Amino acid sequence: MRWWLWGLLILLGLLQYRLWMGDGSLAEVWRLHGQVEAQKEENERLRERNQALDAEVQDLKQGQAAIEERAREELGMIRKDETFYQIVEEPGGEKLDE
């Protein structure tokens, strides 16, 4: 009877070891759960970014207004019948009193 008791205690100890420290342990499951949640958040952020980029691409493919807006803002382009005025401020940003 003692051998059975010792055998069961050793078996219980081995099973507890696997539960707490081995492959697939509770600590590893908790760690992986945290990684999965972090990856889901990252995926959602990237999904929103991709949707915004897709909307911008569709706008550029379909509308001349978006192309014109980008040309004006990023390249400083103007139309033939327009005059471009550039206001240059004094260095240091101080206004002169007159």
Protein backbone atom coordinates (compact mmCIF):
# COMPACT_ATOMS: atom_id res chain seq x y z
CA MET A 1 0.00 0.00 0.00
CA ARG A 2 2.88 2.38 0.72
CA TRP A 3 4.27 1.94 -2.78
CA TRP A 4 0.96 2.96 -4.30
CA LEU A 5 0.79 6.02 -2.09
CA TRP A 6 4.34 7.08 -2.98
CA GLY A 7 3.66 6.38 -6.66
CA LEU A 8 0.53 8.52 -6.61
CA LEU A 9 2.35 11.36 -4.82
CA ILE A 10 5.18 11.27 -7.36
CA LEU A 11 2.67 11.22 -10.22
CA LEU A 12 0.78 14.14 -8.67
CA GLY A 13 4.06 16.05 -8.29
CA LEU A 14 4.98 15.45 -11.95
CA LEU A 15 1.55 16.58 -13.11
CA GLN A 16 1.76 19.71 -10.96
CA TYR A 17 5.21 20.45 -12.36
CA ARG A 18 3.87 20.27 -15.92
CA LEU A 19 0.91 22.44 -14.98
CA TRP A 20 3.02 25.22 -13.46
CA MET A 21 6.43 25.00 -15.18
CA GLY A 22 6.43 22.74 -18.26
CA ASP A 23 5.39 23.29 -21.86
CA GLY A 24 1.84 24.57 -22.00
CA SER A 25 1.97 25.69 -18.37
CA LEU A 26 -0.46 28.23 -16.99
CA ALA A 27 2.26 30.90 -16.94
CA GLU A 28 2.96 30.32 -20.62
CA VAL A 29 -0.75 30.40 -21.45
CA TRP A 30 -1.14 33.74 -19.64
CA ARG A 31 1.91 35.16 -21.43
CA LEU A 32 0.62 34.00 -24.81
CA HIS A 33 -2.83 35.42 -24.06
CA GLY A 34 -1.22 38.82 -23.46
CA GLN A 35 0.70 38.56 -26.73
CA VAL A 36 -2.49 37.66 -28.61
CA GLU A 37 -4.29 40.71 -27.19
CA ALA A 38 -1.38 42.99 -28.09
CA GLN A 39 -1.32 41.58 -31.63
CA LYS A 40 -5.08 42.11 -32.00
CA GLU A 41 -4.68 45.77 -31.03
CA GLU A 42 -1.80 46.19 -33.49
CA ASN A 43 -3.84 44.50 -36.24
CA GLU A 44 -6.78 46.83 -35.60
CA ARG A 45 -4.49 49.88 -35.75
CA LEU A 46 -2.99 48.67 -39.03
CA ARG A 47 -6.44 47.85 -40.44
CA GLU A 48 -7.59 51.43 -39.79
CA ARG A 49 -4.41 52.80 -41.38
CA ASN A 50 -4.89 50.59 -44.44
CA GLN A 51 -8.49 51.75 -44.80
CA ALA A 52 -7.38 55.38 -44.70
CA LEU A 53 -4.68 54.72 -47.31
CA ASP A 54 -7.15 52.81 -49.48
CA ALA A 55 -9.60 55.72 -49.32
CA GLU A 56 -6.81 58.11 -50.32
CA VAL A 57 -5.81 55.88 -53.25
CA GLN A 58 -9.42 55.65 -54.45
CA ASP A 59 -9.77 59.42 -54.17
CA LEU A 60 -6.60 59.95 -56.19
CA LYS A 61 -7.74 57.48 -58.85
CA GLN A 62 -11.19 59.01 -59.25
CA GLY A 63 -10.91 62.72 -58.58
CA GLN A 64 -8.87 65.49 -60.09
CA ALA A 65 -9.58 67.66 -57.03
CA ALA A 66 -7.45 65.46 -54.79
CA ILE A 67 -4.57 65.53 -57.27
CA GLU A 68 -4.84 69.31 -57.55
CA GLU A 69 -4.91 69.70 -53.77
CA ARG A 70 -1.78 67.60 -53.35
CA ALA A 71 0.01 69.50 -56.11
CA ARG A 72 -0.81 72.81 -54.43
CA GLU A 73 0.11 71.75 -50.89
CA GLU A 74 3.13 69.55 -51.47
CA LEU A 75 4.62 70.96 -54.66
CA GLY A 76 3.54 74.60 -54.43
CA MET A 77 1.95 74.54 -57.89
CA ILE A 78 -0.52 77.15 -59.12
CA ARG A 79 -2.84 77.54 -62.10
CA LYS A 80 -2.01 79.68 -65.15
CA ASP A 81 -4.41 82.46 -64.21
CA GLU A 82 -3.37 82.65 -60.53
CA THR A 83 -0.78 84.81 -58.80
CA PHE A 84 1.25 83.39 -55.96
CA TYR A 85 2.09 85.66 -53.04
CA GLN A 86 4.61 84.62 -50.43
CA ILE A 87 4.75 86.54 -47.16
CA VAL A 88 8.13 86.46 -45.49
CA GLU A 89 8.29 87.37 -41.81
CA GLU A 90 11.24 89.04 -40.14
CA PRO A 91 13.70 86.65 -38.51
CA GLY A 92 12.84 86.13 -34.85
CA GLY A 93 9.14 86.61 -35.49
CA GLU A 94 9.09 90.22 -34.18
CA LYS A 95 6.72 92.75 -35.72
CA LEU A 96 7.99 96.22 -36.46
CA ASP A 97 6.04 99.13 -34.98
CA GLU A 98 5.39 102.00 -37.38
